[in-house]
């Protein structure tokens, strides 16, 4: 739990939807308030599903380095969805080490 207790977190859509379906979005908001980042891919998936997560800050992929990482990850892990790829990319770059997700 230590890594979840400090720093920022980035979750994919399936985790957020699990909390939503269990009626526990307020718990998720409370746990990570002020520390929760989500990719614009995750944000769009949540909008499409009518799920509102107030504690999350959207992090758009904008740099060439981020997009290259995203593309490399997509090629190496073709079974992952866009939300999962976005969450991993945001988490990697928010922690300052894009190679941290090996």
PDB file of N, CA and C in Angstrom:
ATOM      1  N   UNK A   1       0.821  -1.197   0.000  1.00  0.00           N
ATOM      2  CA  UNK A   1       0.000   0.000   0.000  1.00  0.00           C
ATOM      3  C   UNK A   1       0.862   1.256   0.000  1.00  0.00           C
ATOM      4  N   UNK A   2       2.115   1.162   0.370  1.00  0.00           N
ATOM      5  CA  UNK A   2       2.955   2.353   0.466  1.00  0.00           C
ATOM      6  C   UNK A   2       3.003   3.135  -0.835  1.00  0.00           C
ATOM      7  N   UNK A   3       3.192   2.478  -1.970  1.00  0.00           N
ATOM      8  CA  UNK A   3       3.274   3.187  -3.251  1.00  0.00           C
ATOM      9  C   UNK A   3       1.960   3.868  -3.593  1.00  0.00           C
ATOM     10  N   UNK A   4       0.851   3.339  -3.106  1.00  0.00           N
ATOM     11  CA  UNK A   4      -0.435   3.973  -3.353  1.00  0.00           C
ATOM     12  C   UNK A   4      -0.712   5.115  -2.379  1.00  0.00           C
ATOM     13  N   UNK A   5      -0.007   5.135  -1.272  1.00  0.00           N
ATOM     14  CA  UNK A   5      -0.250   6.154  -0.252  1.00  0.00           C
ATOM     15  C   UNK A   5       0.424   7.479  -0.567  1.00  0.00           C
ATOM     16  N   UNK A   6       1.392   7.487  -1.460  1.00  0.00           N
ATOM     17  CA  UNK A   6       2.109   8.715  -1.788  1.00  0.00           C
ATOM     18  C   UNK A   6       2.214   8.879  -3.288  1.00  0.00           C
ATOM     19  N   UNK A   7       2.451  10.086  -3.727  1.00  0.00           N
ATOM     20  CA  UNK A   7       2.654  10.347  -5.151  1.00  0.00           C
ATOM     21  C   UNK A   7       1.373  10.269  -5.941  1.00  0.00           C
ATOM     22  N   UNK A   8       1.509  10.371  -7.255  1.00  0.00           N
ATOM     23  CA  UNK A   8       0.351  10.332  -8.139  1.00  0.00           C
ATOM     24  C   UNK A   8       0.045   8.907  -8.572  1.00  0.00           C
ATOM     25  N   UNK A   9      -1.197   8.705  -8.961  1.00  0.00           N
ATOM     26  CA  UNK A   9      -1.628   7.414  -9.492  1.00  0.00           C
ATOM     27  C   UNK A   9      -2.349   7.647 -10.808  1.00  0.00           C
ATOM     28  N   UNK A  10      -2.322   6.656 -11.663  1.00  0.00           N
ATOM     29  CA  UNK A  10      -3.033   6.683 -12.932  1.00  0.00           C
ATOM     30  C   UNK A  10      -3.701   5.325 -13.106  1.00  0.00           C
ATOM     31  N   UNK A  11      -5.021   5.328 -13.153  1.00  0.00           N
ATOM     32  CA  UNK A  11      -5.775   4.079 -13.269  1.00  0.00           C
ATOM     33  C   UNK A  11      -6.412   3.987 -14.643  1.00  0.00           C
ATOM     34  N   UNK A  12      -6.621   2.764 -15.100  1.00  0.00           N
ATOM     35  CA  UNK A  12      -7.306   2.609 -16.376  1.00  0.00           C
ATOM     36  C   UNK A  12      -8.822   2.579 -16.157  1.00  0.00           C
ATOM     37  N   UNK A  13      -9.541   2.605 -17.234  1.00  0.00           N
ATOM     38  CA  UNK A  13     -10.991   2.711 -17.177  1.00  0.00           C
ATOM     39  C   UNK A  13     -11.628   1.552 -16.433  1.00  0.00           C
ATOM     40  N   UNK A  14     -11.138   0.347 -16.621  1.00  0.00           N
ATOM     41  CA  UNK A  14     -11.786  -0.817 -16.004  1.00  0.00           C
ATOM     42  C   UNK A  14     -11.769  -0.739 -14.483  1.00  0.00           C
ATOM     43  N   UNK A  15     -10.707  -0.232 -13.900  1.00  0.00           N
ATOM     44  CA  UNK A  15     -10.638  -0.094 -12.439  1.00  0.00           C
ATOM     45  C   UNK A  15     -11.660   0.942 -11.968  1.00  0.00           C
ATOM     46  N   UNK A  16     -11.730   2.056 -12.681  1.00  0.00           N
ATOM     47  CA  UNK A  16     -12.659   3.118 -12.308  1.00  0.00           C
ATOM     48  C   UNK A  16     -14.100   2.634 -12.443  1.00  0.00           C
ATOM     49  N   UNK A  17     -14.404   1.927 -13.520  1.00  0.00           N
ATOM     50  CA  UNK A  17     -15.756   1.406 -13.725  1.00  0.00           C
ATOM     51  C   UNK A  17     -16.102   0.384 -12.653  1.00  0.00           C
ATOM     52  N   UNK A  18     -15.153  -0.425 -12.221  1.00  0.00           N
ATOM     53  CA  UNK A  18     -15.410  -1.366 -11.121  1.00  0.00           C
ATOM     54  C   UNK A  18     -15.872  -0.622  -9.862  1.00  0.00           C
ATOM     55  N   UNK A  19     -15.180   0.466  -9.523  1.00  0.00           N
ATOM     56  CA  UNK A  19     -15.593   1.274  -8.370  1.00  0.00           C
ATOM     57  C   UNK A  19     -16.975   1.875  -8.606  1.00  0.00           C
ATOM     58  N   UNK A  20     -17.233   2.340  -9.823  1.00  0.00           N
ATOM     59  CA  UNK A  20     -18.536   2.919 -10.164  1.00  0.00           C
ATOM     60  C   UNK A  20     -19.652   1.884  -9.996  1.00  0.00           C
ATOM     61  N   UNK A  21     -19.463   0.697 -10.546  1.00  0.00           N
ATOM     62  CA  UNK A  21     -20.487  -0.342 -10.473  1.00  0.00           C
ATOM     63  C   UNK A  21     -20.740  -0.811  -9.033  1.00  0.00           C
ATOM     64  N   UNK A  22     -19.711  -0.725  -8.208  1.00  0.00           N
ATOM     65  CA  UNK A  22     -19.852  -1.096  -6.795  1.00  0.00           C
ATOM     66  C   UNK A  22     -20.400   0.056  -5.947  1.00  0.00           C
ATOM     67  N   UNK A  23     -20.657   1.195  -6.593  1.00  0.00           N
ATOM     68  CA  UNK A  23     -21.162   2.355  -5.859  1.00  0.00           C
ATOM     69  C   UNK A  23     -20.109   2.999  -4.965  1.00  0.00           C
ATOM     70  N   UNK A  24     -18.847   2.832  -5.327  1.00  0.00           N
ATOM     71  CA  UNK A  24     -17.762   3.302  -4.470  1.00  0.00           C
ATOM     72  C   UNK A  24     -16.884   4.389  -5.099  1.00  0.00           C
ATOM     73  N   UNK A  25     -17.412   5.137  -6.077  1.00  0.00           N
ATOM     74  CA  UNK A  25     -16.626   6.240  -6.641  1.00  0.00           C
ATOM     75  C   UNK A  25     -16.224   7.264  -5.580  1.00  0.00           C
ATOM     76  N   UNK A  26     -17.093   7.564  -4.594  1.00  0.00           N
ATOM     77  CA  UNK A  26     -16.650   8.499  -3.550  1.00  0.00           C
ATOM     78  C   UNK A  26     -15.411   7.999  -2.803  1.00  0.00           C
ATOM     79  N   UNK A  27     -15.322   6.699  -2.580  1.00  0.00           N
ATOM     80  CA  UNK A  27     -14.137   6.136  -1.933  1.00  0.00           C
ATOM     81  C   UNK A  27     -12.907   6.339  -2.802  1.00  0.00           C
ATOM     82  N   UNK A  28     -13.021   6.056  -4.094  1.00  0.00           N
ATOM     83  CA  UNK A  28     -11.904   6.249  -5.014  1.00  0.00           C
ATOM     84  C   UNK A  28     -11.485   7.725  -5.040  1.00  0.00           C
ATOM     85  N   UNK A  29     -12.457   8.629  -5.098  1.00  0.00           N
ATOM     86  CA  UNK A  29     -12.160  10.059  -5.065  1.00  0.00           C
ATOM     87  C   UNK A  29     -11.428  10.441  -3.783  1.00  0.00           C
ATOM     88  N   UNK A  30     -11.887   9.919  -2.649  1.00  0.00           N
ATOM     89  CA  UNK A  30     -11.253  10.240  -1.360  1.00  0.00           C
ATOM     90  C   UNK A  30      -9.842   9.678  -1.257  1.00  0.00           C
ATOM     91  N   UNK A  31      -9.646   8.454  -1.732  1.00  0.00           N
ATOM     92  CA  UNK A  31      -8.326   7.817  -1.633  1.00  0.00           C
ATOM     93  C   UNK A  31      -7.243   8.576  -2.389  1.00  0.00           C
ATOM     94  N   UNK A  32      -7.603   9.098  -3.557  1.00  0.00           N
ATOM     95  CA  UNK A  32      -6.589   9.683  -4.424  1.00  0.00           C
ATOM     96  C   UNK A  32      -6.809  11.162  -4.734  1.00  0.00           C
ATOM     97  N   UNK A  33      -7.605  11.844  -3.927  1.00  0.00           N
ATOM     98  CA  UNK A  33      -7.882  13.270  -4.151  1.00  0.00           C
ATOM     99  C   UNK A  33      -6.572  14.055  -4.229  1.00  0.00           C
ATOM    100  N   UNK A  34      -6.465  14.846  -5.300  1.00  0.00           N
ATOM    101  CA  UNK A  34      -5.279  15.667  -5.499  1.00  0.00           C
ATOM    102  C   UNK A  34      -4.070  14.921  -6.043  1.00  0.00           C
ATOM    103  N   UNK A  35      -4.201  13.609  -6.245  1.00  0.00           N
ATOM    104  CA  UNK A  35      -3.064  12.806  -6.709  1.00  0.00           C
ATOM    105  C   UNK A  35      -3.423  11.924  -7.898  1.00  0.00           C
ATOM    106  N   UNK A  36      -4.620  12.075  -8.430  1.00  0.00           N
ATOM    107  CA  UNK A  36      -5.132  11.154  -9.434  1.00  0.00           C
ATOM    108  C   UNK A  36      -5.029  11.782 -10.822  1.00  0.00           C
ATOM    109  N   UNK A  37      -4.238  11.153 -11.687  1.00  0.00           N
ATOM    110  CA  UNK A  37      -4.123  11.561 -13.084  1.00  0.00           C
ATOM    111  C   UNK A  37      -4.781  10.509 -13.960  1.00  0.00           C
ATOM    112  N   UNK A  38      -5.393  10.970 -15.038  1.00  0.00           N
ATOM    113  CA  UNK A  38      -5.914  10.014 -16.022  1.00  0.00           C
ATOM    114  C   UNK A  38      -5.596  10.544 -17.407  1.00  0.00           C
ATOM    115  N   UNK A  39      -5.394   9.631 -18.315  1.00  0.00           N
ATOM    116  CA  UNK A  39      -5.111  10.030 -19.691  1.00  0.00           C
ATOM    117  C   UNK A  39      -6.388  10.540 -20.351  1.00  0.00           C
ATOM    118  N   UNK A  40      -6.218  11.278 -21.420  1.00  0.00           N
ATOM    119  CA  UNK A  40      -7.376  11.749 -22.169  1.00  0.00           C
ATOM    120  C   UNK A  40      -8.155  10.583 -22.785  1.00  0.00           C
ATOM    121  N   UNK A  41      -7.491   9.452 -23.013  1.00  0.00           N
ATOM    122  CA  UNK A  41      -8.179   8.252 -23.513  1.00  0.00           C
ATOM    123  C   UNK A  41      -9.138   7.722 -22.446  1.00  0.00           C
ATOM    124  N   UNK A  42      -8.658   7.655 -21.198  1.00  0.00           N
ATOM    125  CA  UNK A  42      -9.494   7.188 -20.095  1.00  0.00           C
ATOM    126  C   UNK A  42     -10.649   8.165 -19.891  1.00  0.00           C
ATOM    127  N   UNK A  43     -10.348   9.458 -19.929  1.00  0.00           N
ATOM    128  CA  UNK A  43     -11.402  10.461 -19.751  1.00  0.00           C
ATOM    129  C   UNK A  43     -12.513  10.276 -20.778  1.00  0.00           C
ATOM    130  N   UNK A  44     -12.153  10.066 -22.040  1.00  0.00           N
ATOM    131  CA  UNK A  44     -13.169   9.897 -23.088  1.00  0.00           C
ATOM    132  C   UNK A  44     -13.992   8.635 -22.861  1.00  0.00           C
ATOM    133  N   UNK A  45     -13.349   7.548 -22.446  1.00  0.00           N
ATOM    134  CA  UNK A  45     -14.085   6.313 -22.173  1.00  0.00           C
ATOM    135  C   UNK A  45     -15.071   6.516 -21.022  1.00  0.00           C
ATOM    136  N   UNK A  46     -14.671   7.286 -20.003  1.00  0.00           N
ATOM    137  CA  UNK A  46     -15.569   7.556 -18.872  1.00  0.00           C
ATOM    138  C   UNK A  46     -16.726   8.454 -19.287  1.00  0.00           C
ATOM    139  N   UNK A  47     -16.452   9.452 -20.117  1.00  0.00           N
ATOM    140  CA  UNK A  47     -17.515  10.321 -20.626  1.00  0.00           C
ATOM    141  C   UNK A  47     -18.533   9.486 -21.405  1.00  0.00           C
ATOM    142  N   UNK A  48     -18.028   8.598 -22.274  1.00  0.00           N
ATOM    143  CA  UNK A  48     -18.911   7.734 -23.064  1.00  0.00           C
ATOM    144  C   UNK A  48     -19.766   6.839 -22.180  1.00  0.00           C
ATOM    145  N   UNK A  49     -19.252   6.467 -21.008  1.00  0.00           N
ATOM    146  CA  UNK A  49     -19.967   5.584 -20.079  1.00  0.00           C
ATOM    147  C   UNK A  49     -20.761   6.365 -19.022  1.00  0.00           C
ATOM    148  N   UNK A  50     -20.780   7.694 -19.136  1.00  0.00           N
ATOM    149  CA  UNK A  50     -21.477   8.555 -18.159  1.00  0.00           C
ATOM    150  C   UNK A  50     -20.974   8.350 -16.734  1.00  0.00           C
ATOM    151  N   UNK A  51     -19.667   8.220 -16.583  1.00  0.00           N
ATOM    152  CA  UNK A  51     -19.041   8.082 -15.268  1.00  0.00           C
ATOM    153  C   UNK A  51     -18.261   9.362 -14.991  1.00  0.00           C
ATOM    154  N   UNK A  52     -18.544   9.996 -13.853  1.00  0.00           N
ATOM    155  CA  UNK A  52     -17.889  11.243 -13.486  1.00  0.00           C
ATOM    156  C   UNK A  52     -16.944  11.000 -12.313  1.00  0.00           C
ATOM    157  N   UNK A  53     -15.680  11.283 -12.534  1.00  0.00           N
ATOM    158  CA  UNK A  53     -14.673  11.114 -11.495  1.00  0.00           C
ATOM    159  C   UNK A  53     -14.092  12.492 -11.180  1.00  0.00           C
ATOM    160  N   UNK A  54     -14.579  13.096 -10.123  1.00  0.00           N
ATOM    161  CA  UNK A  54     -14.236  14.489  -9.834  1.00  0.00           C
ATOM    162  C   UNK A  54     -12.807  14.693  -9.345  1.00  0.00           C
ATOM    163  N   UNK A  55     -12.197  13.686  -8.775  1.00  0.00           N
ATOM    164  CA  UNK A  55     -10.860  13.860  -8.190  1.00  0.00           C
ATOM    165  C   UNK A  55      -9.737  13.776  -9.212  1.00  0.00           C
ATOM    166  N   UNK A  56     -10.044  13.353 -10.418  1.00  0.00           N
ATOM    167  CA  UNK A  56      -8.996  13.105 -11.416  1.00  0.00           C
ATOM    168  C   UNK A  56      -8.658  14.353 -12.212  1.00  0.00           C
ATOM    169  N   UNK A  57      -7.392  14.482 -12.529  1.00  0.00           N
ATOM    170  CA  UNK A  57      -6.908  15.532 -13.419  1.00  0.00           C
ATOM    171  C   UNK A  57      -6.488  14.857 -14.721  1.00  0.00           C
ATOM    172  N   UNK A  58      -6.948  15.399 -15.834  1.00  0.00           N
ATOM    173  CA  UNK A  58      -6.633  14.811 -17.133  1.00  0.00           C
ATOM    174  C   UNK A  58      -5.240  15.227 -17.579  1.00  0.00           C
ATOM    175  N   UNK A  59      -4.470  14.248 -17.988  1.00  0.00           N
ATOM    176  CA  UNK A  59      -3.134  14.492 -18.527  1.00  0.00           C
ATOM    177  C   UNK A  59      -3.152  14.091 -19.992  1.00  0.00           C
ATOM    178  N   UNK A  60      -3.069  15.080 -20.869  1.00  0.00           N
ATOM    179  CA  UNK A  60      -3.046  14.808 -22.304  1.00  0.00           C
ATOM    180  C   UNK A  60      -1.646  14.425 -22.744  1.00  0.00           C
ATOM    181  N   UNK A  61      -1.569  13.426 -23.597  1.00  0.00           N
ATOM    182  CA  UNK A  61      -0.277  13.079 -24.182  1.00  0.00           C
ATOM    183  C   UNK A  61       0.058  14.154 -25.200  1.00  0.00           C
ATOM    184  N   UNK A  62       1.201  14.797 -25.033  1.00  0.00           N
ATOM    185  CA  UNK A  62       1.486  15.933 -25.905  1.00  0.00           C
ATOM    186  C   UNK A  62       2.886  15.907 -26.509  1.00  0.00           C
ATOM    187  N   UNK A  63       3.845  15.343 -25.822  1.00  0.00           N
ATOM    188  CA  UNK A  63       5.213  15.384 -26.339  1.00  0.00           C
ATOM    189  C   UNK A  63       5.470  14.216 -27.296  1.00  0.00           C
ATOM    190  N   UNK A  64       6.425  14.405 -28.153  1.00  0.00           N
ATOM    191  CA  UNK A  64       6.841  13.337 -29.064  1.00  0.00           C
ATOM    192  C   UNK A  64       7.309  12.129 -28.284  1.00  0.00           C
ATOM    193  N   UNK A  65       8.009  12.360 -27.196  1.00  0.00           N
ATOM    194  CA  UNK A  65       8.501  11.263 -26.355  1.00  0.00           C
ATOM    195  C   UNK A  65       7.345  10.443 -25.783  1.00  0.00           C
ATOM    196  N   UNK A  66       6.293  11.116 -25.314  1.00  0.00           N
ATOM    197  CA  UNK A  66       5.127  10.410 -24.781  1.00  0.00           C
ATOM    198  C   UNK A  66       4.438   9.587 -25.868  1.00  0.00           C
ATOM    199  N   UNK A  67       4.250  10.191 -27.043  1.00  0.00           N
ATOM    200  CA  UNK A  67       3.591   9.473 -28.132  1.00  0.00           C
ATOM    201  C   UNK A  67       4.437   8.308 -28.638  1.00  0.00           C
ATOM    202  N   UNK A  68       5.757   8.478 -28.670  1.00  0.00           N
ATOM    203  CA  UNK A  68       6.629   7.373 -29.064  1.00  0.00           C
ATOM    204  C   UNK A  68       6.538   6.228 -28.069  1.00  0.00           C
ATOM    205  N   UNK A  69       6.536   6.561 -26.775  1.00  0.00           N
ATOM    206  CA  UNK A  69       6.395   5.547 -25.730  1.00  0.00           C
ATOM    207  C   UNK A  69       5.062   4.820 -25.893  1.00  0.00           C
ATOM    208  N   UNK A  70       3.984   5.588 -26.081  1.00  0.00           N
ATOM    209  CA  UNK A  70       2.650   5.029 -26.284  1.00  0.00           C
ATOM    210  C   UNK A  70       2.645   4.073 -27.480  1.00  0.00           C
ATOM    211  N   UNK A  71       3.223   4.504 -28.615  1.00  0.00           N
ATOM    212  CA  UNK A  71       3.270   3.667 -29.816  1.00  0.00           C
ATOM    213  C   UNK A  71       4.088   2.410 -29.615  1.00  0.00           C
ATOM    214  N   UNK A  72       5.242   2.537 -28.965  1.00  0.00           N
ATOM    215  CA  UNK A  72       6.078   1.362 -28.680  1.00  0.00           C
ATOM    216  C   UNK A  72       5.343   0.379 -27.780  1.00  0.00           C
ATOM    217  N   UNK A  73       4.665   0.925 -26.762  1.00  0.00           N
ATOM    218  CA  UNK A  73       3.910   0.081 -25.838  1.00  0.00           C
ATOM    219  C   UNK A  73       2.765  -0.615 -26.569  1.00  0.00           C
ATOM    220  N   UNK A  74       2.095   0.105 -27.446  1.00  0.00           N
ATOM    221  CA  UNK A  74       0.978  -0.468 -28.206  1.00  0.00           C
ATOM    222  C   UNK A  74       1.448  -1.618 -29.093  1.00  0.00           C
ATOM    223  N   UNK A  75       2.610  -1.440 -29.715  1.00  0.00           N
ATOM    224  CA  UNK A  75       3.157  -2.514 -30.563  1.00  0.00           C
ATOM    225  C   UNK A  75       3.610  -3.718 -29.724  1.00  0.00           C
ATOM    226  N   UNK A  76       4.171  -3.458 -28.562  1.00  0.00           N
ATOM    227  CA  UNK A  76       4.696  -4.563 -27.752  1.00  0.00           C
ATOM    228  C   UNK A  76       3.618  -5.261 -26.920  1.00  0.00           C
ATOM    229  N   UNK A  77       2.495  -4.584 -26.692  1.00  0.00           N
ATOM    230  CA  UNK A  77       1.392  -5.147 -25.892  1.00  0.00           C
ATOM    231  C   UNK A  77       0.070  -4.954 -26.643  1.00  0.00           C
ATOM    232  N   UNK A  78      -0.109  -5.651 -27.770  1.00  0.00           N
ATOM    233  CA  UNK A  78      -1.284  -5.406 -28.610  1.00  0.00           C
ATOM    234  C   UNK A  78      -2.619  -5.749 -27.951  1.00  0.00           C
ATOM    235  N   UNK A  79      -2.605  -6.498 -26.878  1.00  0.00           N
ATOM    236  CA  UNK A  79      -3.869  -6.857 -26.227  1.00  0.00           C
ATOM    237  C   UNK A  79      -4.415  -5.742 -25.334  1.00  0.00           C
ATOM    238  N   UNK A  80      -3.604  -4.715 -25.061  1.00  0.00           N
ATOM    239  CA  UNK A  80      -4.074  -3.626 -24.208  1.00  0.00           C
ATOM    240  C   UNK A  80      -4.933  -2.651 -25.002  1.00  0.00           C
ATOM    241  N   UNK A  81      -5.950  -2.113 -24.342  1.00  0.00           N
ATOM    242  CA  UNK A  81      -6.811  -1.112 -24.954  1.00  0.00           C
ATOM    243  C   UNK A  81      -6.211   0.276 -24.836  1.00  0.00           C
ATOM    244  N   UNK A  82      -6.824   1.243 -25.504  1.00  0.00           N
ATOM    245  CA  UNK A  82      -6.312   2.612 -25.483  1.00  0.00           C
ATOM    246  C   UNK A  82      -6.275   3.193 -24.078  1.00  0.00           C
ATOM    247  N   UNK A  83      -7.304   2.920 -23.279  1.00  0.00           N
ATOM    248  CA  UNK A  83      -7.325   3.419 -21.907  1.00  0.00           C
ATOM    249  C   UNK A  83      -6.184   2.862 -21.075  1.00  0.00           C
ATOM    250  N   UNK A  84      -5.927   1.580 -21.229  1.00  0.00           N
ATOM    251  CA  UNK A  84      -4.817   0.959 -20.499  1.00  0.00           C
ATOM    252  C   UNK A  84      -3.479   1.522 -20.954  1.00  0.00           C
ATOM    253  N   UNK A  85      -3.309   1.662 -22.250  1.00  0.00           N
ATOM    254  CA  UNK A  85      -2.064   2.226 -22.783  1.00  0.00           C
ATOM    255  C   UNK A  85      -1.871   3.666 -22.311  1.00  0.00           C
ATOM    256  N   UNK A  86      -2.946   4.433 -22.337  1.00  0.00           N
ATOM    257  CA  UNK A  86      -2.878   5.814 -21.865  1.00  0.00           C
ATOM    258  C   UNK A  86      -2.546   5.892 -20.389  1.00  0.00           C
ATOM    259  N   UNK A  87      -3.161   5.030 -19.580  1.00  0.00           N
ATOM    260  CA  UNK A  87      -2.899   5.033 -18.136  1.00  0.00           C
ATOM    261  C   UNK A  87      -1.440   4.695 -17.846  1.00  0.00           C
ATOM    262  N   UNK A  88      -0.892   3.717 -18.535  1.00  0.00           N
ATOM    263  CA  UNK A  88       0.510   3.337 -18.335  1.00  0.00           C
ATOM    264  C   UNK A  88       1.431   4.473 -18.766  1.00  0.00           C
ATOM    265  N   UNK A  89       1.111   5.106 -19.891  1.00  0.00           N
ATOM    266  CA  UNK A  89       1.951   6.207 -20.379  1.00  0.00           C
ATOM    267  C   UNK A  89       1.915   7.374 -19.406  1.00  0.00           C
ATOM    268  N   UNK A  90       0.734   7.766 -18.942  1.00  0.00           N
ATOM    269  CA  UNK A  90       0.624   8.862 -17.979  1.00  0.00           C
ATOM    270  C   UNK A  90       1.369   8.521 -16.696  1.00  0.00           C
ATOM    271  N   UNK A  91       1.192   7.312 -16.202  1.00  0.00           N
ATOM    272  CA  UNK A  91       1.888   6.909 -14.974  1.00  0.00           C
ATOM    273  C   UNK A  91       3.397   6.951 -15.163  1.00  0.00           C
ATOM    274  N   UNK A  92       3.859   6.482 -16.291  1.00  0.00           N
ATOM    275  CA  UNK A  92       5.299   6.452 -16.551  1.00  0.00           C
ATOM    276  C   UNK A  92       5.900   7.843 -16.575  1.00  0.00           C
ATOM    277  N   UNK A  93       5.234   8.755 -17.252  1.00  0.00           N
ATOM    278  CA  UNK A  93       5.796  10.095 -17.387  1.00  0.00           C
ATOM    279  C   UNK A  93       5.538  10.967 -16.164  1.00  0.00           C
ATOM    280  N   UNK A  94       4.497  10.689 -15.408  1.00  0.00           N
ATOM    281  CA  UNK A  94       4.255  11.484 -14.201  1.00  0.00           C
ATOM    282  C   UNK A  94       5.239  11.133 -13.104  1.00  0.00           C
ATOM    283  N   UNK A  95       5.834   9.957 -13.178  1.00  0.00           N
ATOM    284  CA  UNK A  95       6.845   9.553 -12.189  1.00  0.00           C
ATOM    285  C   UNK A  95       8.253   9.876 -12.649  1.00  0.00           C
ATOM    286  N   UNK A  96       8.371  10.511 -13.807  1.00  0.00           N
ATOM    287  CA  UNK A  96       9.666  10.985 -14.269  1.00  0.00           C
ATOM    288  C   UNK A  96      10.564   9.944 -14.905  1.00  0.00           C
ATOM    289  N   UNK A  97      10.097   8.727 -15.055  1.00  0.00           N
ATOM    290  CA  UNK A  97      10.931   7.682 -15.631  1.00  0.00           C
ATOM    291  C   UNK A  97      10.123   6.875 -16.639  1.00  0.00           C
ATOM    292  N   UNK A  98      10.155   7.251 -17.927  1.00  0.00           N
ATOM    293  CA  UNK A  98       9.346   6.551 -18.912  1.00  0.00           C
ATOM    294  C   UNK A  98       9.751   5.096 -19.118  1.00  0.00           C
ATOM    295  N   UNK A  99      10.860   4.665 -18.603  1.00  0.00           N
ATOM    296  CA  UNK A  99      11.281   3.272 -18.731  1.00  0.00           C
ATOM    297  C   UNK A  99      10.899   2.463 -17.492  1.00  0.00           C
ATOM    298  N   UNK A 100      10.187   3.062 -16.580  1.00  0.00           N
ATOM    299  CA  UNK A 100       9.833   2.430 -15.314  1.00  0.00           C
ATOM    300  C   UNK A 100       8.817   1.309 -15.477  1.00  0.00           C
ATOM    301  N   UNK A 101       8.156   1.197 -16.623  1.00  0.00           N
ATOM    302  CA  UNK A 101       7.064   0.232 -16.808  1.00  0.00           C
ATOM    303  C   UNK A 101       7.492  -1.016 -17.558  1.00  0.00           C
ATOM    304  N   UNK A 102       8.674  -1.475 -17.412  1.00  0.00           N
ATOM    305  CA  UNK A 102       9.120  -2.688 -18.122  1.00  0.00           C
ATOM    306  C   UNK A 102       8.559  -3.930 -17.504  1.00  0.00           C
TER     307      UNK A 102
END
